Protein backbone atom coordinates (compact mmCIF):
# COMPACT_ATOMS: atom_id res chain seq x y z
CA MET A 1 7.42 55.09 5.96
CA LEU A 2 10.17 52.52 5.37
CA SER A 3 7.70 49.94 5.02
CA ALA A 4 5.38 51.99 2.97
CA LYS A 5 8.26 52.72 0.65
CA GLN A 6 8.93 48.64 0.50
CA SER A 7 5.18 47.94 -0.34
CA LEU A 8 5.24 50.86 -3.14
CA GLU A 9 8.64 48.62 -4.67
CA TYR A 10 7.47 45.01 -4.10
CA PHE A 11 3.57 45.87 -5.50
CA ASP A 12 5.24 47.79 -8.37
CA GLU A 13 7.52 44.40 -9.35
CA HIS A 14 5.11 41.45 -8.43
CA LEU A 15 1.91 42.82 -9.72
CA GLY A 16 1.87 46.25 -11.56
CA GLU A 17 2.73 49.96 -11.52
CA TYR A 18 0.78 51.88 -9.17
CA PRO A 19 0.12 54.98 -10.99
CA TYR A 20 -0.71 57.83 -8.79
CA LYS A 21 1.86 60.55 -7.35
CA THR A 22 0.43 60.42 -3.87
CA LEU A 23 -0.61 58.06 -0.90
CA THR A 24 -1.52 59.41 2.09
CA ILE A 25 -1.00 57.63 5.47
CA VAL A 26 -2.75 58.68 8.77
CA ASP A 27 -1.87 57.36 12.14
CA PRO A 28 -5.12 57.75 14.43
CA PRO A 29 -4.76 58.83 17.70
CA VAL A 30 -5.01 56.79 20.68
CA HIS A 31 -8.91 57.82 21.25
CA ALA A 32 -9.77 57.17 17.79
CA VAL A 33 -7.75 53.79 17.23
CA ALA A 34 -10.69 52.10 16.09
CA SER A 35 -10.30 53.65 12.87
CA SER A 36 -7.15 52.45 12.29
CA GLY A 37 -5.89 49.27 9.62
CA MET A 38 -8.61 51.29 6.77
CA GLU A 39 -8.46 51.77 3.35
CA TYR A 40 -9.69 54.22 0.98
CA PRO A 41 -8.35 55.52 -2.82
CA THR A 42 -5.18 56.74 -2.26
CA PHE A 43 -5.43 56.94 1.49
CA ILE A 44 -4.77 54.32 4.47
CA THR A 45 -4.70 54.71 8.22
CA GLY A 46 -1.92 52.66 10.04
CA LEU A 47 -1.73 51.63 13.81
CA GLY A 48 0.24 54.32 15.51
CA LEU A 49 1.80 51.97 18.37
CA SER A 50 4.92 53.16 19.91
CA HIS A 51 7.34 50.98 22.38
CA MET A 52 6.38 47.90 20.67
CA PRO A 53 8.54 45.21 21.51
CA THR A 54 11.53 44.19 19.48
CA GLY A 55 10.99 42.08 16.58
CA VAL A 56 6.95 42.58 16.57
CA ARG A 57 6.20 44.33 13.29
CA LEU A 58 2.48 44.76 13.98
CA VAL A 59 2.79 48.90 12.87
CA GLU A 60 4.29 48.18 9.64
CA LEU A 61 2.28 45.04 8.86
CA VAL A 62 -0.89 46.94 9.14
CA THR A 63 0.62 49.67 6.91
CA ILE A 64 1.82 47.20 4.34
CA HIS A 65 -1.78 45.26 4.25
CA GLU A 66 -3.79 48.54 4.38
CA PHE A 67 -1.38 49.39 0.98
CA GLY A 68 -2.14 46.65 -0.46
CA HIS A 69 -5.81 47.43 -0.89
CA GLN A 70 -4.87 49.92 -2.76
CA TYR A 71 -4.16 47.12 -5.53
CA PHE A 72 -7.49 44.67 -5.08
CA MET A 73 -9.64 47.18 -3.56
CA GLN A 74 -8.91 50.10 -5.72
CA LEU A 75 -6.94 49.65 -9.33
CA LEU A 76 -8.74 46.34 -9.70
CA ALA A 77 -11.51 47.48 -8.12
CA SER A 78 -13.20 44.12 -7.16
CA ASN A 79 -16.65 44.15 -5.20
CA GLU A 80 -15.16 43.68 -1.26
CA PHE A 81 -18.63 42.87 0.20
CA GLU A 82 -20.05 40.37 -2.50
CA GLU A 83 -17.00 38.72 -3.42
CA PRO A 84 -14.31 39.52 -0.07
CA TRP A 85 -11.84 36.88 -0.93
CA LEU A 86 -10.92 38.95 -4.03
CA ASP A 87 -10.05 41.49 -1.43
CA GLU A 88 -9.06 40.29 1.82
CA GLY A 89 -7.62 36.91 0.41
CA PHE A 90 -5.37 38.34 -2.05
CA ASN A 91 -4.27 40.74 -0.16
CA THR A 92 -3.38 38.50 2.61
CA HIS A 93 -1.43 36.22 0.11
CA PHE A 94 0.87 38.61 0.01
CA GLY A 95 1.24 38.98 3.68
CA ASP A 96 2.22 36.91 6.97
CA MET A 97 1.27 33.68 5.33
CA GLU A 98 2.38 31.48 8.67
CA ASN A 99 0.01 33.38 11.02
CA GLN A 100 -3.00 33.44 8.72
CA ARG A 101 -2.40 29.44 7.76
CA LEU A 102 -2.46 28.94 11.61
CA SER A 103 -6.05 31.36 12.19
CA TYR A 104 -7.60 28.70 9.46
CA THR A 105 -5.79 25.74 11.17
CA GLY A 106 -6.95 26.58 14.11
CA MET A 107 -10.46 26.84 13.52
CA ALA A 108 -12.80 24.92 15.80
CA ASN A 109 -15.16 24.52 12.77
CA PRO A 110 -13.34 25.41 9.54
CA LYS A 111 -16.46 23.79 7.31
CA ILE A 112 -18.65 26.73 8.95
CA ALA A 113 -18.59 28.25 5.25
CA GLU A 114 -16.95 28.09 1.91
CA ASN A 115 -15.01 31.21 0.88
CA PHE A 116 -17.43 31.81 -2.33
CA ARG A 117 -19.66 33.94 -0.52
CA SER A 118 -20.78 37.47 0.39
CA ALA A 119 -19.49 39.54 3.15
CA TRP A 120 -23.14 39.61 4.81
CA GLN A 121 -23.79 35.93 4.34
CA PHE A 122 -21.32 34.99 7.41
CA ARG A 123 -24.01 35.30 9.80
CA HIS A 124 -22.87 32.64 11.95
CA GLY A 125 -19.15 33.07 11.95
CA GLY A 126 -16.19 32.49 9.97
CA TYR A 127 -16.00 35.63 7.88
CA GLY A 128 -12.51 36.80 8.93
CA GLN A 129 -10.50 33.10 9.27
CA LEU A 130 -12.11 32.34 5.97
CA THR A 131 -12.41 35.67 3.68
CA TYR A 132 -8.54 36.38 4.75
CA ALA A 133 -6.64 33.23 6.20
CA LYS A 134 -8.27 30.53 4.29
CA ALA A 135 -8.31 31.87 0.67
CA GLY A 136 -4.69 33.79 1.26
CA THR A 137 -3.86 29.60 2.30
CA TRP A 138 -5.15 28.40 -0.60
CA MET A 139 -3.57 30.87 -2.73
CA ARG A 140 -0.28 30.00 -1.16
CA THR A 141 -1.07 26.15 -2.30
CA LEU A 142 -1.95 26.94 -5.88
CA GLN A 143 1.37 28.76 -5.98
CA GLY A 144 3.00 25.44 -4.86
CA LEU A 145 1.20 23.23 -7.20
CA VAL A 146 2.17 25.59 -10.29
CA GLY A 147 5.35 27.19 -9.30
CA MET A 148 6.19 30.69 -8.33
CA GLU A 149 6.84 31.84 -11.86
CA THR A 150 3.61 30.81 -13.05
CA MET A 151 1.89 32.18 -9.90
CA GLU A 152 3.74 35.36 -10.26
CA GLU A 153 3.01 35.66 -14.35
CA ILE A 154 -1.26 34.66 -13.33
CA MET A 155 -1.04 37.45 -10.81
CA LYS A 156 0.43 40.24 -13.28
CA THR A 157 -1.66 38.77 -16.11
CA TYR A 158 -4.84 39.36 -13.71
CA PHE A 159 -3.74 43.14 -12.67
CA GLU A 160 -3.10 43.86 -16.11
CA ARG A 161 -5.82 42.78 -17.69
CA TRP A 162 -8.45 43.48 -15.10
CA LYS A 163 -7.26 46.72 -13.81
CA PHE A 164 -10.53 49.32 -13.12
CA LYS A 165 -12.66 46.69 -14.77
CA HIS A 166 -14.13 45.12 -11.45
CA PRO A 167 -13.46 41.55 -11.92
CA CYS A 168 -14.97 38.35 -10.34
CA ALA A 169 -14.15 34.99 -9.46
CA ASP A 170 -14.67 33.79 -12.84
CA ASP A 171 -12.06 36.25 -14.05
CA PHE A 172 -9.54 35.08 -11.83
CA ILE A 173 -10.26 31.48 -12.47
CA ASP A 174 -10.08 32.32 -16.54
CA ILE A 175 -6.46 33.80 -16.26
CA VAL A 176 -5.21 30.77 -13.98
CA ASN A 177 -6.58 28.29 -16.60
CA GLU A 178 -4.79 30.26 -19.33
CA VAL A 179 -1.09 30.97 -17.65
CA THR A 180 -1.41 27.17 -16.23
CA GLN A 181 -2.13 25.60 -19.46
CA LYS A 182 0.37 27.24 -21.22
CA ASN A 183 3.26 26.50 -19.17
CA HIS A 184 2.45 23.38 -17.74
CA ALA A 185 0.44 21.83 -20.87
CA GLY A 186 -2.24 19.56 -19.49
CA LYS A 187 -0.09 18.70 -16.22
CA PHE A 188 -3.07 19.23 -14.10
CA GLY A 189 -6.13 18.42 -16.76
CA PRO A 190 -7.94 20.40 -19.14
CA ASP A 191 -8.00 23.30 -16.47
CA MET A 192 -8.03 24.07 -12.74
CA ASN A 193 -11.57 24.04 -12.54
CA TRP A 194 -11.16 21.26 -10.02
CA PHE A 195 -9.40 22.96 -7.75
CA PHE A 196 -11.70 25.96 -7.46
CA TYR A 197 -14.19 23.76 -6.63
CA GLN A 198 -12.92 22.40 -3.64
CA VAL A 199 -11.05 25.41 -1.99
CA LEU A 200 -13.30 28.68 -3.25
CA TYR A 201 -16.86 26.86 -3.69
CA GLY A 202 -16.84 23.84 -1.62
CA SER A 203 -15.90 23.81 2.54
CA ASN A 204 -14.49 20.77 3.28
CA VAL A 205 -10.81 20.53 4.18
CA CYS A 206 -7.12 19.21 3.31
CA ASP A 207 -5.45 16.62 5.35
CA TYR A 208 -2.73 13.78 4.44
CA GLU A 209 -1.27 11.65 6.60
CA ILE A 210 1.57 9.12 6.97
CA ARG A 211 -0.21 6.49 8.79
CA SER A 212 2.15 3.71 9.25
CA ILE A 213 5.67 2.52 7.91
CA SER A 214 7.00 -1.25 8.56
CA ASN A 215 10.25 -3.03 7.51
CA ARG A 216 10.26 -7.11 7.61
CA ALA A 217 13.39 -8.95 7.02
CA LEU A 218 13.29 -11.61 4.30
CA ARG A 219 14.93 -14.84 3.54
CA GLU A 220 17.29 -14.98 0.49
CA ASP A 221 15.22 -17.46 -0.92
CA GLN A 222 11.94 -15.92 -0.45
CA GLY A 223 11.06 -14.35 -4.25
CA ILE A 224 7.36 -13.75 -3.31
CA PHE A 225 7.23 -10.08 -4.08
CA GLU A 226 7.33 -9.30 -7.54
CA ASP A 227 7.20 -5.19 -7.81
CA LYS A 228 10.83 -4.74 -6.85
CA SER A 229 12.23 -1.32 -7.14
CA THR A 230 15.55 -1.79 -10.00
CA TRP A 231 17.96 0.31 -7.31
CA TYR A 232 16.81 -1.98 -4.38
CA GLN A 233 17.80 -5.15 -6.86
CA GLU A 234 20.99 -4.04 -7.89
CA ALA A 235 22.07 -3.39 -4.28
CA SER A 236 20.95 -6.51 -3.16
CA GLU A 237 23.23 -8.35 -6.12
CA GLN A 238 26.35 -6.87 -5.03
CA ALA A 239 26.07 -7.00 -1.61
CA ASP A 240 25.62 -10.27 0.44
CA VAL A 241 23.13 -8.59 2.87
CA GLU A 242 19.71 -9.62 4.22
CA ASN A 243 16.80 -8.39 2.52
CA TYR A 244 14.00 -6.24 3.83
CA PHE A 245 10.00 -5.86 2.38
CA SER A 246 9.30 -2.35 3.27
CA ARG A 247 6.10 -0.68 3.19
CA VAL A 248 4.70 3.05 3.72
CA ILE A 249 1.01 3.78 4.08
CA LEU A 250 -0.82 6.76 3.71
CA HIS A 251 -3.96 7.87 4.08
CA ARG A 252 -6.21 10.84 3.50
CA THR A 253 -8.65 12.26 6.32
CA GLY A 254 -9.61 14.69 4.66
CA GLU A 255 -11.94 15.50 1.60
CA ILE A 256 -9.75 17.62 -0.60
CA THR A 257 -7.87 15.89 -2.93
CA LEU A 258 -4.86 17.40 -4.21
CA PRO A 259 -1.68 15.86 -6.06
CA THR A 260 1.50 15.73 -3.85
CA GLU A 261 4.76 13.85 -3.42
CA VAL A 262 5.93 11.27 -0.40
CA LEU A 263 9.63 11.66 0.22
CA ILE A 264 10.99 8.14 0.99
CA HIS A 265 14.56 7.82 2.72
CA PHE A 266 16.18 4.29 3.73
CA GLU A 267 19.09 3.56 6.03
CA ILE A 268 21.72 3.21 3.69
CA GLY A 269 20.91 7.02 2.54
CA GLU A 270 19.06 6.44 -0.55
CA GLU A 271 15.67 8.51 -1.08
CA LYS A 272 12.53 7.85 -3.48
CA LEU A 273 10.49 11.02 -4.38
CA GLU A 274 7.20 9.37 -5.01
CA GLN A 275 4.15 10.81 -6.92
CA TRP A 276 0.60 10.48 -5.61
CA ASN A 277 -2.69 12.24 -7.27
CA GLY A 278 -4.01 12.16 -3.62
CA ARG A 279 -7.80 11.00 -4.54
CA SER A 280 -7.75 7.28 -2.80
CA ARG A 281 -8.45 7.22 1.04
CA THR A 282 -5.63 4.99 1.13
CA LYS A 283 -2.12 4.57 -0.55
CA GLU A 284 1.23 2.25 -0.37
CA PHE A 285 4.19 2.25 -1.53
CA ASN A 286 6.49 -1.15 -1.09
CA TYR A 287 9.76 -1.96 -1.50
CA THR A 288 12.23 -4.64 -1.36
CA GLY A 289 15.77 -4.74 -0.70
CA PRO A 290 19.13 -4.53 1.60
CA SER A 291 17.94 -1.24 3.51
CA LYS A 292 15.09 -0.41 5.72
CA ILE A 293 13.18 2.58 5.40
CA GLU A 294 13.91 5.17 8.17
CA TRP A 295 11.44 7.71 8.17
CA ALA A 296 8.83 9.08 5.26
CA LYS A 297 7.44 12.52 4.30
CA ILE A 298 4.17 13.76 2.64
CA ASP A 299 5.04 17.16 0.93
CA PRO A 300 8.42 17.50 1.50
CA GLU A 301 8.81 21.05 -0.04
CA ASN A 302 5.36 22.54 1.76
CA LYS A 303 3.54 22.92 -1.40
CA ILE A 304 0.27 21.92 0.18
CA TYR A 305 0.12 24.46 2.36
CA ILE A 306 -3.61 24.25 3.37
CA ASP A 307 -3.27 20.65 4.67
CA GLN A 308 -4.91 20.73 8.45
CA ASN A 309 -2.57 18.86 9.91
CA LEU A 310 1.46 19.13 8.89
CA ASN A 311 2.44 16.70 12.19
CA ASN A 312 0.62 13.40 10.84
CA ASN A 313 3.28 14.49 7.61
CA SER A 314 5.76 12.79 8.67
CA ARG A 315 7.24 9.65 10.24
CA THR A 316 10.03 8.22 11.57
CA THR A 317 10.74 4.44 12.57
CA LYS A 318 13.79 5.62 15.08
CA PRO A 319 12.91 7.69 18.34
CA GLN A 320 13.66 11.17 18.00
CA THR A 321 14.93 12.75 21.66
CA THR A 322 15.17 16.40 20.91
CA ALA A 323 11.80 17.26 22.08
CA VAL A 324 12.19 15.31 24.75
CA LYS A 325 15.29 16.82 25.91
CA LYS A 326 13.96 20.53 24.86
CA TYR A 327 11.15 20.35 27.56
CA SER A 328 13.26 18.12 29.79
CA SER A 329 15.70 21.29 29.68
CA ARG A 330 12.90 23.90 30.19
CA PHE A 331 11.31 21.85 33.13
CA MET A 332 14.50 21.87 35.12
CA LEU A 333 15.08 25.88 33.96
CA TRP A 334 11.33 26.20 35.60
CA MET A 335 12.02 23.99 38.84
CA GLN A 336 15.16 25.90 39.53
CA GLN A 337 13.30 29.44 39.14
CA ILE A 338 10.37 27.85 41.71
CA MET A 339 13.51 26.82 44.04
CA GLN A 340 15.15 30.03 43.59
CA SER A 341 11.91 31.95 44.47
CA VAL A 342 10.90 30.27 47.55
CA THR A 343 14.55 30.30 49.04
CA PHE A 344 13.97 34.10 48.93
CA PHE A 345 11.11 33.81 51.41
CA ILE A 346 13.28 31.99 53.90
């Protein structure tokens, strides 16, 4: 019941008021477990499991998810058969996003279909991962681009304007364009249609990577590089040290193009936050100065949640031994347990 109470409070704050005096929650018995996790107006079924391991909040997760349908399925009354993402995707956006992102990015074929598809049109698979997980993931990406405050205003405006009116995709997109334009004054262009064309109406994927980092020592009499960072030039003039020509090369290996940031960290501790519109297939940032690039990271604040592979978003010039130590320790623990098991039978 606590999770239901917290859900009421959360959705009241972030979307709008729940207008009814009642909410009925039924936990089906074991022999009727197939009826678990269902939503109806003012009535939901939970997941009546007991003795769950500590920290596994599956029962609470189901309750919160099904309550969310009271807004997107019921109060907004979107058509969950013709545009299921308007219900399941929106609801997922308010849920366990890490797990949902993994569900989408872990698909064997994430291009199997686009989000904008009726439920019965997913004839060859992908309904769950795309309708729930992908839609929730690109909504979190939209939030990363426009910011939390703008996203909350979008959702509240959408709910208040369209509750009980059966909204469709165009109605939501119009709200996004209106609020984003008001708050960001053309930062993303005249509208956000370019975003929805890719993530909602298209089936392509997003992936950016740091392909390489290089640092090359320069002699003082080599002045052939004209595009020099101002703070690098100042540092060079103040210190009698060797200069380096440093470069970071980025690749766009996916088809989706989104604006992103690149954080460049130098050995002397200085950092540069570069902006990239993400459209070209490759991009490079060059620097000349007294310090080498130590590491670089695309999207340092993890705004681009739809990026397929976050492991290739960063690269360092120095070897990292943390992972080696971790797995070495685990291997030694396994060997110890095996040897203890063997001695038990001797």
